Amino acid sequence: MRKPAKLITAASAVAAMLGALTVSAPVLAADAAVIAEGKKIVEDRRLGNCLACHMIEGADMPGTIGPPLVAMKARFPDKAKLRAQIWDATKANANSMMPPFGKHRILTEDQIDKVVEYIYTL
């Protein structure tokens, strides 16, 4: 009789741990609305103007000065590094032609966050 009781107790403990992980797990996917807003900022010639320099698949009149924005999760496994690159590319490369969107307040912090979420989907 002891073995079934131990199995039930062990199973209950595992279920409780899994339940706790599920409740405390961070949201992995950004909200679709945030991604859509980020895309608008990226494509807006008065805001992000990313298309002036970067190629994004399916975009109208993409640029060729900067690297194409493809495979961004592979290129920036740490999303914080992608955000830092957009905020001030000159920290990683002093000769970067990319404007420091955060440092020079070209975009707000909220706009940069939305751009990051969109670009991370590319």
PDB file of N, CA and C in Angstrom:
ATOM      1  N   MET A   1       0.802  -1.199   0.000  1.00  0.00           N
ATOM      2  CA  MET A   1       0.000   0.000   0.000  1.00  0.00           C
ATOM      3  C   MET A   1       0.846   1.265   0.000  1.00  0.00           C
ATOM      4  N   ARG A   2       2.038   1.168   0.483  1.00  0.00           N
ATOM      5  CA  ARG A   2       2.875   2.367   0.554  1.00  0.00           C
ATOM      6  C   ARG A   2       3.251   2.882  -0.831  1.00  0.00           C
ATOM      7  N   LYS A   3       3.541   1.992  -1.765  1.00  0.00           N
ATOM      8  CA  LYS A   3       3.988   2.417  -3.089  1.00  0.00           C
ATOM      9  C   LYS A   3       2.955   3.289  -3.798  1.00  0.00           C
ATOM     10  N   PRO A   4       1.670   2.904  -3.853  1.00  0.00           N
ATOM     11  CA  PRO A   4       0.699   3.773  -4.518  1.00  0.00           C
ATOM     12  C   PRO A   4       0.598   5.136  -3.837  1.00  0.00           C
ATOM     13  N   ALA A   5       0.651   5.159  -2.529  1.00  0.00           N
ATOM     14  CA  ALA A   5       0.561   6.437  -1.816  1.00  0.00           C
ATOM     15  C   ALA A   5       1.743   7.320  -2.167  1.00  0.00           C
ATOM     16  N   LYS A   6       2.952   6.714  -2.244  1.00  0.00           N
ATOM     17  CA  LYS A   6       4.134   7.492  -2.607  1.00  0.00           C
ATOM     18  C   LYS A   6       4.026   8.011  -4.042  1.00  0.00           C
ATOM     19  N   LEU A   7       3.505   7.176  -4.943  1.00  0.00           N
ATOM     20  CA  LEU A   7       3.342   7.607  -6.334  1.00  0.00           C
ATOM     21  C   LEU A   7       2.362   8.757  -6.442  1.00  0.00           C
ATOM     22  N   ILE A   8       1.275   8.671  -5.705  1.00  0.00           N
ATOM     23  CA  ILE A   8       0.281   9.746  -5.731  1.00  0.00           C
ATOM     24  C   ILE A   8       0.884  11.023  -5.170  1.00  0.00           C
ATOM     25  N   THR A   9       1.625  10.902  -4.076  1.00  0.00           N
ATOM     26  CA  THR A   9       2.267  12.071  -3.478  1.00  0.00           C
ATOM     27  C   THR A   9       3.283  12.676  -4.445  1.00  0.00           C
ATOM     28  N   ALA A  10       4.091  11.833  -5.062  1.00  0.00           N
ATOM     29  CA  ALA A  10       5.091  12.313  -6.019  1.00  0.00           C
ATOM     30  C   ALA A  10       4.412  12.962  -7.218  1.00  0.00           C
ATOM     31  N   ALA A  11       3.353  12.334  -7.724  1.00  0.00           N
ATOM     32  CA  ALA A  11       2.628  12.893  -8.865  1.00  0.00           C
ATOM     33  C   ALA A  11       2.002  14.230  -8.493  1.00  0.00           C
ATOM     34  N   SER A  12       1.481  14.323  -7.292  1.00  0.00           N
ATOM     35  CA  SER A  12       0.891  15.586  -6.835  1.00  0.00           C
ATOM     36  C   SER A  12       1.946  16.678  -6.744  1.00  0.00           C
ATOM     37  N   ALA A  13       3.124  16.310  -6.254  1.00  0.00           N
ATOM     38  CA  ALA A  13       4.209  17.285  -6.136  1.00  0.00           C
ATOM     39  C   ALA A  13       4.645  17.782  -7.511  1.00  0.00           C
ATOM     40  N   VAL A  14       4.764  16.870  -8.472  1.00  0.00           N
ATOM     41  CA  VAL A  14       5.142  17.252  -9.836  1.00  0.00           C
ATOM     42  C   VAL A  14       4.068  18.139 -10.452  1.00  0.00           C
ATOM     43  N   ALA A  15       2.814  17.783 -10.273  1.00  0.00           N
ATOM     44  CA  ALA A  15       1.713  18.585 -10.813  1.00  0.00           C
ATOM     45  C   ALA A  15       1.716  19.984 -10.201  1.00  0.00           C
ATOM     46  N   ALA A  16       1.984  20.061  -8.907  1.00  0.00           N
ATOM     47  CA  ALA A  16       2.033  21.372  -8.248  1.00  0.00           C
ATOM     48  C   ALA A  16       3.179  22.212  -8.787  1.00  0.00           C
ATOM     49  N   MET A  17       4.340  21.577  -9.023  1.00  0.00           N
ATOM     50  CA  MET A  17       5.481  22.311  -9.570  1.00  0.00           C
ATOM     51  C   MET A  17       5.193  22.798 -10.987  1.00  0.00           C
ATOM     52  N   LEU A  18       4.605  21.939 -11.798  1.00  0.00           N
ATOM     53  CA  LEU A  18       4.272  22.337 -13.162  1.00  0.00           C
ATOM     54  C   LEU A  18       3.245  23.456 -13.175  1.00  0.00           C
ATOM     55  N   GLY A  19       2.279  23.363 -12.278  1.00  0.00           N
ATOM     56  CA  GLY A  19       1.283  24.429 -12.168  1.00  0.00           C
ATOM     57  C   GLY A  19       1.915  25.741 -11.782  1.00  0.00           C
ATOM     58  N   ALA A  20       2.875  25.714 -10.866  1.00  0.00           N
ATOM     59  CA  ALA A  20       3.565  26.938 -10.447  1.00  0.00           C
ATOM     60  C   ALA A  20       4.376  27.512 -11.588  1.00  0.00           C
ATOM     61  N   LEU A  21       5.005  26.648 -12.384  1.00  0.00           N
ATOM     62  CA  LEU A  21       5.771  27.129 -13.531  1.00  0.00           C
ATOM     63  C   LEU A  21       4.868  27.782 -14.560  1.00  0.00           C
ATOM     64  N   THR A  22       3.714  27.208 -14.779  1.00  0.00           N
ATOM     65  CA  THR A  22       2.780  27.754 -15.749  1.00  0.00           C
ATOM     66  C   THR A  22       2.296  29.133 -15.327  1.00  0.00           C
ATOM     67  N   VAL A  23       2.003  29.289 -14.057  1.00  0.00           N
ATOM     68  CA  VAL A  23       1.500  30.568 -13.560  1.00  0.00           C
ATOM     69  C   VAL A  23       2.575  31.637 -13.616  1.00  0.00           C
ATOM     70  N   SER A  24       3.821  31.275 -13.292  1.00  0.00           N
ATOM     71  CA  SER A  24       4.867  32.277 -13.213  1.00  0.00           C
ATOM     72  C   SER A  24       5.651  32.456 -14.507  1.00  0.00           C
ATOM     73  N   ALA A  25       5.391  31.644 -15.514  1.00  0.00           N
ATOM     74  CA  ALA A  25       6.132  31.755 -16.771  1.00  0.00           C
ATOM     75  C   ALA A  25       5.814  33.081 -17.452  1.00  0.00           C
ATOM     76  N   PRO A  26       6.835  33.774 -17.954  1.00  0.00           N
ATOM     77  CA  PRO A  26       6.585  35.043 -18.631  1.00  0.00           C
ATOM     78  C   PRO A  26       5.894  34.823 -19.967  1.00  0.00           C
ATOM     79  N   VAL A  27       5.212  35.827 -20.407  1.00  0.00           N
ATOM     80  CA  VAL A  27       4.570  35.757 -21.714  1.00  0.00           C
ATOM     81  C   VAL A  27       5.677  35.783 -22.760  1.00  0.00           C
ATOM     82  N   LEU A  28       5.722  34.777 -23.618  1.00  0.00           N
ATOM     83  CA  LEU A  28       6.803  34.660 -24.590  1.00  0.00           C
ATOM     84  C   LEU A  28       6.531  35.419 -25.877  1.00  0.00           C
ATOM     85  N   ALA A  29       5.314  35.468 -26.298  1.00  0.00           N
ATOM     86  CA  ALA A  29       4.982  36.142 -27.554  1.00  0.00           C
ATOM     87  C   ALA A  29       4.397  37.524 -27.272  1.00  0.00           C
ATOM     88  N   ALA A  30       4.876  38.492 -28.018  1.00  0.00           N
ATOM     89  CA  ALA A  30       4.346  39.841 -27.855  1.00  0.00           C
ATOM     90  C   ALA A  30       2.939  39.910 -28.418  1.00  0.00           C
ATOM     91  N   ASP A  31       2.176  40.791 -27.899  1.00  0.00           N
ATOM     92  CA  ASP A  31       0.806  40.996 -28.345  1.00  0.00           C
ATOM     93  C   ASP A  31       0.802  41.406 -29.817  1.00  0.00           C
ATOM     94  N   ALA A  32      -0.103  40.851 -30.583  1.00  0.00           N
ATOM     95  CA  ALA A  32      -0.186  41.131 -32.025  1.00  0.00           C
ATOM     96  C   ALA A  32      -0.377  42.612 -32.298  1.00  0.00           C
ATOM     97  N   ALA A  33      -1.105  43.306 -31.446  1.00  0.00           N
ATOM     98  CA  ALA A  33      -1.325  44.743 -31.636  1.00  0.00           C
ATOM     99  C   ALA A  33      -0.025  45.523 -31.478  1.00  0.00           C
ATOM    100  N   VAL A  34       0.821  45.120 -30.539  1.00  0.00           N
ATOM    101  CA  VAL A  34       2.113  45.784 -30.323  1.00  0.00           C
ATOM    102  C   VAL A  34       3.005  45.574 -31.539  1.00  0.00           C
ATOM    103  N   ILE A  35       3.002  44.356 -32.063  1.00  0.00           N
ATOM    104  CA  ILE A  35       3.802  44.059 -33.260  1.00  0.00           C
ATOM    105  C   ILE A  35       3.312  44.890 -34.446  1.00  0.00           C
ATOM    106  N   ALA A  36       2.011  45.009 -34.608  1.00  0.00           N
ATOM    107  CA  ALA A  36       1.449  45.811 -35.702  1.00  0.00           C
ATOM    108  C   ALA A  36       1.834  47.281 -35.560  1.00  0.00           C
ATOM    109  N   GLU A  37       1.807  47.793 -34.331  1.00  0.00           N
ATOM    110  CA  GLU A  37       2.214  49.189 -34.105  1.00  0.00           C
ATOM    111  C   GLU A  37       3.697  49.367 -34.413  1.00  0.00           C
ATOM    112  N   GLY A  38       4.503  48.384 -34.038  1.00  0.00           N
ATOM    113  CA  GLY A  38       5.928  48.443 -34.345  1.00  0.00           C
ATOM    114  C   GLY A  38       6.180  48.473 -35.842  1.00  0.00           C
ATOM    115  N   LYS A  39       5.418  47.679 -36.577  1.00  0.00           N
ATOM    116  CA  LYS A  39       5.554  47.664 -38.038  1.00  0.00           C
ATOM    117  C   LYS A  39       5.225  49.030 -38.625  1.00  0.00           C
ATOM    118  N   LYS A  40       4.186  49.665 -38.113  1.00  0.00           N
ATOM    119  CA  LYS A  40       3.821  51.001 -38.598  1.00  0.00           C
ATOM    120  C   LYS A  40       4.947  52.003 -38.358  1.00  0.00           C
ATOM    121  N   ILE A  41       5.571  51.929 -37.200  1.00  0.00           N
ATOM    122  CA  ILE A  41       6.675  52.843 -36.875  1.00  0.00           C
ATOM    123  C   ILE A  41       7.853  52.591 -37.804  1.00  0.00           C
ATOM    124  N   VAL A  42       8.182  51.331 -38.027  1.00  0.00           N
ATOM    125  CA  VAL A  42       9.295  50.957 -38.902  1.00  0.00           C
ATOM    126  C   VAL A  42       9.065  51.481 -40.312  1.00  0.00           C
ATOM    127  N   GLU A  43       7.833  51.370 -40.806  1.00  0.00           N
ATOM    128  CA  GLU A  43       7.531  51.765 -42.180  1.00  0.00           C
ATOM    129  C   GLU A  43       7.253  53.256 -42.342  1.00  0.00           C
ATOM    130  N   ASP A  44       7.022  53.966 -41.267  1.00  0.00           N
ATOM    131  CA  ASP A  44       6.693  55.389 -41.327  1.00  0.00           C
ATOM    132  C   ASP A  44       7.952  56.205 -41.621  1.00  0.00           C
ATOM    133  N   ARG A  45       7.953  56.888 -42.736  1.00  0.00           N
ATOM    134  CA  ARG A  45       9.121  57.678 -43.155  1.00  0.00           C
ATOM    135  C   ARG A  45       9.378  58.862 -42.217  1.00  0.00           C
ATOM    136  N   ARG A  46       8.390  59.233 -41.394  1.00  0.00           N
ATOM    137  CA  ARG A  46       8.577  60.335 -40.451  1.00  0.00           C
ATOM    138  C   ARG A  46       9.009  59.871 -39.077  1.00  0.00           C
ATOM    139  N   LEU A  47       8.980  58.583 -38.827  1.00  0.00           N
ATOM    140  CA  LEU A  47       9.331  58.059 -37.500  1.00  0.00           C
ATOM    141  C   LEU A  47      10.591  57.205 -37.597  1.00  0.00           C
ATOM    142  N   GLY A  48      10.408  55.894 -37.611  1.00  0.00           N
ATOM    143  CA  GLY A  48      11.557  54.994 -37.652  1.00  0.00           C
ATOM    144  C   GLY A  48      12.349  55.116 -38.936  1.00  0.00           C
ATOM    145  N   ASN A  49      11.636  55.200 -40.039  1.00  0.00           N
ATOM    146  CA  ASN A  49      12.247  55.313 -41.358  1.00  0.00           C
ATOM    147  C   ASN A  49      13.290  54.221 -41.601  1.00  0.00           C
ATOM    148  N   CYS A  50      13.061  53.058 -41.051  1.00  0.00           N
ATOM    149  CA  CYS A  50      14.011  51.943 -41.172  1.00  0.00           C
ATOM    150  C   CYS A  50      14.221  51.539 -42.624  1.00  0.00           C
ATOM    151  N   LEU A  51      13.179  51.725 -43.448  1.00  0.00           N
ATOM    152  CA  LEU A  51      13.260  51.320 -44.851  1.00  0.00           C
ATOM    153  C   LEU A  51      14.170  52.223 -45.676  1.00  0.00           C
ATOM    154  N   ALA A  52      14.579  53.347 -45.135  1.00  0.00           N
ATOM    155  CA  ALA A  52      15.531  54.194 -45.844  1.00  0.00           C
ATOM    156  C   ALA A  52      16.872  53.470 -45.998  1.00  0.00           C
ATOM    157  N   CYS A  53      17.184  52.592 -45.048  1.00  0.00           N
ATOM    158  CA  CYS A  53      18.475  51.902 -45.053  1.00  0.00           C
ATOM    159  C   CYS A  53      18.380  50.383 -45.133  1.00  0.00           C
ATOM    160  N   HIS A  54      17.310  49.815 -44.606  1.00  0.00           N
ATOM    161  CA  HIS A  54      17.217  48.357 -44.483  1.00  0.00           C
ATOM    162  C   HIS A  54      16.205  47.757 -45.445  1.00  0.00           C
ATOM    163  N   MET A  55      16.505  46.527 -45.861  1.00  0.00           N
ATOM    164  CA  MET A  55      15.567  45.748 -46.651  1.00  0.00           C
ATOM    165  C   MET A  55      14.748  44.897 -45.684  1.00  0.00           C
ATOM    166  N   ILE A  56      13.447  44.980 -45.843  1.00  0.00           N
ATOM    167  CA  ILE A  56      12.528  44.118 -45.116  1.00  0.00           C
ATOM    168  C   ILE A  56      11.666  43.453 -46.170  1.00  0.00           C
ATOM    169  N   GLU A  57      11.589  42.139 -46.126  1.00  0.00           N
ATOM    170  CA  GLU A  57      10.831  41.402 -47.134  1.00  0.00           C
ATOM    171  C   GLU A  57       9.398  41.920 -47.222  1.00  0.00           C
ATOM    172  N   GLY A  58       8.964  42.221 -48.442  1.00  0.00           N
ATOM    173  CA  GLY A  58       7.604  42.674 -48.679  1.00  0.00           C
ATOM    174  C   GLY A  58       7.399  44.173 -48.519  1.00  0.00           C
ATOM    175  N   ALA A  59       8.430  44.892 -48.148  1.00  0.00           N
ATOM    176  CA  ALA A  59       8.299  46.341 -47.937  1.00  0.00           C
ATOM    177  C   ALA A  59       8.457  47.095 -49.255  1.00  0.00           C
ATOM    178  N   ASP A  60       7.794  48.232 -49.339  1.00  0.00           N
ATOM    179  CA  ASP A  60       7.910  49.092 -50.516  1.00  0.00           C
ATOM    180  C   ASP A  60       9.189  49.916 -50.441  1.00  0.00           C
ATOM    181  N   MET A  61       9.946  49.924 -51.504  1.00  0.00           N
ATOM    182  CA  MET A  61      11.145  50.737 -51.650  1.00  0.00           C
ATOM    183  C   MET A  61      12.130  50.594 -50.486  1.00  0.00           C
ATOM    184  N   PRO A  62      12.591  49.372 -50.196  1.00  0.00           N
ATOM    185  CA  PRO A  62      13.547  49.197 -49.106  1.00  0.00           C
ATOM    186  C   PRO A  62      14.931  49.707 -49.470  1.00  0.00           C
ATOM    187  N   GLY A  63      15.696  50.065 -48.459  1.00  0.00           N
ATOM    188  CA  GLY A  63      17.049  50.551 -48.662  1.00  0.00           C
ATOM    189  C   GLY A  63      18.054  49.417 -48.717  1.00  0.00           C
ATOM    190  N   THR A  64      19.288  49.781 -49.073  1.00  0.00           N
ATOM    191  CA  THR A  64      20.357  48.788 -49.174  1.00  0.00           C
ATOM    192  C   THR A  64      21.615  49.218 -48.430  1.00  0.00           C
ATOM    193  N   ILE A  65      21.531  50.302 -47.666  1.00  0.00           N
ATOM    194  CA  ILE A  65      22.705  50.803 -46.941  1.00  0.00           C
ATOM    195  C   ILE A  65      23.013  49.912 -45.738  1.00  0.00           C
ATOM    196  N   GLY A  66      21.969  49.597 -44.973  1.00  0.00           N
ATOM    197  CA  GLY A  66      22.129  48.759 -43.788  1.00  0.00           C
ATOM    198  C   GLY A  66      21.891  47.299 -44.121  1.00  0.00           C
ATOM    199  N   PRO A  67      22.175  46.420 -43.178  1.00  0.00           N
ATOM    200  CA  PRO A  67      21.935  44.999 -43.430  1.00  0.00           C
ATOM    201  C   PRO A  67      20.445  44.698 -43.540  1.00  0.00           C
ATOM    202  N   PRO A  68      20.082  43.687 -44.306  1.00  0.00           N
ATOM    203  CA  PRO A  68      18.665  43.314 -44.397  1.00  0.00           C
ATOM    204  C   PRO A  68      18.177  42.821 -43.037  1.00  0.00           C
ATOM    205  N   LEU A  69      16.946  43.153 -42.732  1.00  0.00           N
ATOM    206  CA  LEU A  69      16.364  42.734 -41.458  1.00  0.00           C
ATOM    207  C   LEU A  69      15.679  41.397 -41.655  1.00  0.00           C
ATOM    208  N   VAL A  70      16.481  40.347 -41.557  1.00  0.00           N
ATOM    209  CA  VAL A  70      16.017  38.972 -41.692  1.00  0.00           C
ATOM    210  C   VAL A  70      16.671  38.135 -40.593  1.00  0.00           C
ATOM    211  N   ALA A  71      16.026  37.057 -40.220  1.00  0.00           N
ATOM    212  CA  ALA A  71      16.551  36.124 -39.210  1.00  0.00           C
ATOM    213  C   ALA A  71      16.996  36.852 -37.947  1.00  0.00           C
ATOM    214  N   MET A  72      16.168  37.765 -37.483  1.00  0.00           N
ATOM    215  CA  MET A  72      16.564  38.610 -36.354  1.00  0.00           C
ATOM    216  C   MET A  72      16.714  37.827 -35.050  1.00  0.00           C
ATOM    217  N   LYS A  73      15.914  36.809 -34.834  1.00  0.00           N
ATOM    218  CA  LYS A  73      16.062  35.996 -33.614  1.00  0.00           C
ATOM    219  C   LYS A  73      17.398  35.267 -33.612  1.00  0.00           C
ATOM    220  N   ALA A  74      17.850  34.836 -34.780  1.00  0.00           N
ATOM    221  CA  ALA A  74      19.136  34.155 -34.872  1.00  0.00           C
ATOM    222  C   ALA A  74      20.282  35.147 -34.706  1.00  0.00           C
ATOM    223  N   ARG A  75      20.131  36.328 -35.252  1.00  0.00           N
ATOM    224  CA  ARG A  75      21.176  37.344 -35.171  1.00  0.00           C
ATOM    225  C   ARG A  75      21.249  37.984 -33.790  1.00  0.00           C
ATOM    226  N   PHE A  76      20.106  38.089 -33.135  1.00  0.00           N
ATOM    227  CA  PHE A  76      20.027  38.693 -31.803  1.00  0.00           C
ATOM    228  C   PHE A  76      19.253  37.770 -30.869  1.00  0.00           C
ATOM    229  N   PRO A  77      19.865  36.666 -30.436  1.00  0.00           N
ATOM    230  CA  PRO A  77      19.146  35.761 -29.531  1.00  0.00           C
ATOM    231  C   PRO A  77      18.708  36.458 -28.238  1.00  0.00           C
ATOM    232  N   ASP A  78      19.481  37.463 -27.831  1.00  0.00           N
ATOM    233  CA  ASP A  78      19.131  38.261 -26.662  1.00  0.00           C
ATOM    234  C   ASP A  78      18.420  39.525 -27.162  1.00  0.00           C
ATOM    235  N   LYS A  79      17.118  39.566 -26.968  1.00  0.00           N
ATOM    236  CA  LYS A  79      16.315  40.686 -27.461  1.00  0.00           C
ATOM    237  C   LYS A  79      16.803  42.028 -26.901  1.00  0.00           C
ATOM    238  N   ALA A  80      17.371  42.023 -25.717  1.00  0.00           N
ATOM    239  CA  ALA A  80      17.886  43.259 -25.114  1.00  0.00           C
ATOM    240  C   ALA A  80      19.022  43.847 -25.952  1.00  0.00           C
ATOM    241  N   LYS A  81      19.810  42.987 -26.588  1.00  0.00           N
ATOM    242  CA  LYS A  81      20.895  43.485 -27.447  1.00  0.00           C
ATOM    243  C   LYS A  81      20.342  44.130 -28.716  1.00  0.00           C
ATOM    244  N   LEU A  82      19.267  43.590 -29.230  1.00  0.00           N
ATOM    245  CA  LEU A  82      18.612  44.212 -30.387  1.00  0.00           C
ATOM    246  C   LEU A  82      18.093  45.584 -29.999  1.00  0.00           C
ATOM    247  N   ARG A  83      17.467  45.675 -28.825  1.00  0.00           N
ATOM    248  CA  ARG A  83      16.953  46.956 -28.355  1.00  0.00           C
ATOM    249  C   ARG A  83      18.094  47.952 -28.166  1.00  0.00           C
ATOM    250  N   ALA A  84      19.192  47.499 -27.602  1.00  0.00           N
ATOM    251  CA  ALA A  84      20.349  48.377 -27.395  1.00  0.00           C
ATOM    252  C   ALA A  84      20.903  48.868 -28.729  1.00  0.00           C
ATOM    253  N   GLN A  85      20.884  48.004 -29.744  1.00  0.00           N
ATOM    254  CA  GLN A  85      21.353  48.381 -31.081  1.00  0.00           C
ATOM    255  C   GLN A  85      20.482  49.485 -31.661  1.00  0.00           C
ATOM    256  N   ILE A  86      19.189  49.372 -31.496  1.00  0.00           N
ATOM    257  CA  ILE A  86      18.274  50.395 -32.013  1.00  0.00           C
ATOM    258  C   ILE A  86      18.393  51.669 -31.181  1.00  0.00           C
ATOM    259  N   TRP A  87      18.537  51.514 -29.881  1.00  0.00           N
ATOM    260  CA  TRP A  87      18.619  52.682 -28.996  1.00  0.00           C
ATOM    261  C   TRP A  87      19.862  53.507 -29.304  1.00  0.00           C
ATOM    262  N   ASP A  88      21.019  52.836 -29.499  1.00  0.00           N
ATOM    263  CA  ASP A  88      22.252  53.551 -29.841  1.00  0.00           C
ATOM    264  C   ASP A  88      23.239  52.585 -30.478  1.00  0.00           C
ATOM    265  N   ALA A  89      23.206  52.501 -31.804  1.00  0.00           N
ATOM    266  CA  ALA A  89      24.083  51.589 -32.543  1.00  0.00           C
ATOM    267  C   ALA A  89      25.552  51.964 -32.413  1.00  0.00           C
ATOM    268  N   THR A  90      25.846  53.209 -32.055  1.00  0.00           N
ATOM    269  CA  THR A  90      27.247  53.635 -31.953  1.00  0.00           C
ATOM    270  C   THR A  90      27.963  53.012 -30.753  1.00  0.00           C
ATOM    271  N   LYS A  91      27.211  52.443 -29.809  1.00  0.00           N
ATOM    272  CA  LYS A  91      27.871  51.766 -28.682  1.00  0.00           C
ATOM    273  C   LYS A  91      28.580  50.502 -29.149  1.00  0.00           C
ATOM    274  N   ALA A  92      27.980  49.789 -30.075  1.00  0.00           N
ATOM    275  CA  ALA A  92      28.589  48.567 -30.610  1.00  0.00           C
ATOM    276  C   ALA A  92      29.570  48.878 -31.732  1.00  0.00           C
ATOM    277  N   ASN A  93      29.320  49.966 -32.452  1.00  0.00           N
ATOM    278  CA  ASN A  93      30.169  50.348 -33.584  1.00  0.00           C
ATOM    279  C   ASN A  93      30.185  51.874 -33.670  1.00  0.00           C
ATOM    280  N   ALA A  94      31.274  52.464 -33.248  1.00  0.00           N
ATOM    281  CA  ALA A  94      31.380  53.932 -33.221  1.00  0.00           C
ATOM    282  C   ALA A  94      31.194  54.555 -34.598  1.00  0.00           C
ATOM    283  N   ASN A  95      31.443  53.802 -35.657  1.00  0.00           N
ATOM    284  CA  ASN A  95      31.307  54.318 -37.021  1.00  0.00           C
ATOM    285  C   ASN A  95      29.962  54.000 -37.655  1.00  0.00           C
ATOM    286  N   SER A  96      29.019  53.521 -36.875  1.00  0.00           N
ATOM    287  CA  SER A  96      27.709  53.161 -37.416  1.00  0.00           C
ATOM    288  C   SER A  96      27.010  54.377 -38.018  1.00  0.00           C
ATOM    289  N   MET A  97      26.362  54.140 -39.147  1.00  0.00           N
ATOM    290  CA  MET A  97      25.579  55.195 -39.789  1.00  0.00           C
ATOM    291  C   MET A  97      24.153  55.236 -39.249  1.00  0.00           C
ATOM    292  N   MET A  98      23.792  54.221 -38.469  1.00  0.00           N
ATOM    293  CA  MET A  98      22.434  54.132 -37.937  1.00  0.00           C
ATOM    294  C   MET A  98      22.234  55.208 -36.871  1.00  0.00           C
ATOM    295  N   PRO A  99      21.170  55.976 -37.010  1.00  0.00           N
ATOM    296  CA  PRO A  99      20.909  57.003 -35.995  1.00  0.00           C
ATOM    297  C   PRO A  99      20.639  56.371 -34.633  1.00  0.00           C
ATOM    298  N   PRO A 100      21.114  56.990 -33.558  1.00  0.00           N
ATOM    299  CA  PRO A 100      20.812  56.487 -32.219  1.00  0.00           C
ATOM    300  C   PRO A 100      19.395  56.919 -31.821  1.00  0.00           C
ATOM    301  N   PHE A 101      18.420  56.085 -32.146  1.00  0.00           N
ATOM    302  CA  PHE A 101      17.012  56.439 -32.005  1.00  0.00           C
ATOM    303  C   PHE A 101      16.599  56.784 -30.579  1.00  0.00           C
ATOM    304  N   GLY A 102      17.186  56.132 -29.608  1.00  0.00           N
ATOM    305  CA  GLY A 102      16.849  56.433 -28.215  1.00  0.00           C
ATOM    306  C   GLY A 102      17.678  57.564 -27.663  1.00  0.00           C
ATOM    307  N   LYS A 103      18.972  57.488 -27.870  1.00  0.00           N
ATOM    308  CA  LYS A 103      19.898  58.496 -27.344  1.00  0.00           C
ATOM    309  C   LYS A 103      19.542  59.894 -27.833  1.00  0.00           C
ATOM    310  N   HIS A 104      19.162  60.005 -29.088  1.00  0.00           N
ATOM    311  CA  HIS A 104      18.793  61.312 -29.651  1.00  0.00           C
ATOM    312  C   HIS A 104      17.297  61.589 -29.593  1.00  0.00           C
ATOM    313  N   ARG A 105      16.577  60.712 -28.948  1.00  0.00           N
ATOM    314  CA  ARG A 105      15.125  60.860 -28.744  1.00  0.00           C
ATOM    315  C   ARG A 105      14.356  61.019 -30.059  1.00  0.00           C
ATOM    316  N   ILE A 106      14.808  60.281 -31.049  1.00  0.00           N
ATOM    317  CA  ILE A 106      14.107  60.244 -32.324  1.00  0.00           C
ATOM    318  C   ILE A 106      12.803  59.482 -32.135  1.00  0.00           C
ATOM    319  N   LEU A 107      12.877  58.403 -31.344  1.00  0.00           N
ATOM    320  CA  LEU A 107      11.702  57.624 -30.979  1.00  0.00           C
ATOM    321  C   LEU A 107      11.602  57.590 -29.452  1.00  0.00           C
ATOM    322  N   THR A 108      10.394  57.445 -28.962  1.00  0.00           N
ATOM    323  CA  THR A 108      10.184  57.313 -27.522  1.00  0.00           C
ATOM    324  C   THR A 108      10.586  55.903 -27.087  1.00  0.00           C
ATOM    325  N   GLU A 109      10.720  55.702 -25.806  1.00  0.00           N
ATOM    326  CA  GLU A 109      11.040  54.372 -25.290  1.00  0.00           C
ATOM    327  C   GLU A 109       9.948  53.373 -25.689  1.00  0.00           C
ATOM    328  N   ASP A 110       8.695  53.798 -25.609  1.00  0.00           N
ATOM    329  CA  ASP A 110       7.571  52.935 -25.993  1.00  0.00           C
ATOM    330  C   ASP A 110       7.637  52.574 -27.475  1.00  0.00           C
ATOM    331  N   GLN A 111       7.960  53.538 -28.315  1.00  0.00           N
ATOM    332  CA  GLN A 111       8.074  53.262 -29.744  1.00  0.00           C
ATOM    333  C   GLN A 111       9.223  52.296 -30.026  1.00  0.00           C
ATOM    334  N   ILE A 112      10.334  52.468 -29.337  1.00  0.00           N
ATOM    335  CA  ILE A 112      11.467  51.564 -29.524  1.00  0.00           C
ATOM    336  C   ILE A 112      11.078  50.144 -29.114  1.00  0.00           C
ATOM    337  N   ASP A 113      10.370  50.009 -28.004  1.00  0.00           N
ATOM    338  CA  ASP A 113       9.914  48.687 -27.568  1.00  0.00           C
ATOM    339  C   ASP A 113       9.040  48.027 -28.628  1.00  0.00           C
ATOM    340  N   LYS A 114       8.155  48.803 -29.230  1.00  0.00           N
ATOM    341  CA  LYS A 114       7.268  48.256 -30.266  1.00  0.00           C
ATOM    342  C   LYS A 114       8.046  47.879 -31.526  1.00  0.00           C
ATOM    343  N   VAL A 115       9.009  48.691 -31.904  1.00  0.00           N
ATOM    344  CA  VAL A 115       9.866  48.391 -33.058  1.00  0.00           C
ATOM    345  C   VAL A 115      10.620  47.098 -32.814  1.00  0.00           C
ATOM    346  N   VAL A 116      11.164  46.942 -31.620  1.00  0.00           N
ATOM    347  CA  VAL A 116      11.896  45.726 -31.278  1.00  0.00           C
ATOM    348  C   VAL A 116      11.001  44.505 -31.407  1.00  0.00           C
ATOM    349  N   GLU A 117       9.788  44.595 -30.896  1.00  0.00           N
ATOM    350  CA  GLU A 117       8.868  43.450 -30.971  1.00  0.00           C
ATOM    351  C   GLU A 117       8.576  43.085 -32.410  1.00  0.00           C
ATOM    352  N   TYR A 118       8.382  44.091 -33.276  1.00  0.00           N
ATOM    353  CA  TYR A 118       8.122  43.805 -34.686  1.00  0.00           C
ATOM    354  C   TYR A 118       9.357  43.218 -35.359  1.00  0.00           C
ATOM    355  N   ILE A 119      10.488  43.877 -35.207  1.00  0.00           N
ATOM    356  CA  ILE A 119      11.697  43.439 -35.895  1.00  0.00           C
ATOM    357  C   ILE A 119      12.094  42.036 -35.449  1.00  0.00           C
ATOM    358  N   TYR A 120      11.806  41.700 -34.207  1.00  0.00           N
ATOM    359  CA  TYR A 120      12.151  40.372 -33.696  1.00  0.00           C
ATOM    360  C   TYR A 120      11.339  39.274 -34.385  1.00  0.00           C
ATOM    361  N   THR A 121      10.235  39.645 -35.041  1.00  0.00           N
ATOM    362  CA  THR A 121       9.446  38.654 -35.768  1.00  0.00           C
ATOM    363  C   THR A 121       9.981  38.395 -37.171  1.00  0.00           C
ATOM    364  N   LEU A 122      10.902  39.210 -37.629  1.00  0.00           N
ATOM    365  CA  LEU A 122      11.424  39.076 -39.003  1.00  0.00           C
ATOM    366  C   LEU A 122      12.451  37.974 -39.101  1.00  0.00           C
TER     367      LEU A 122
END
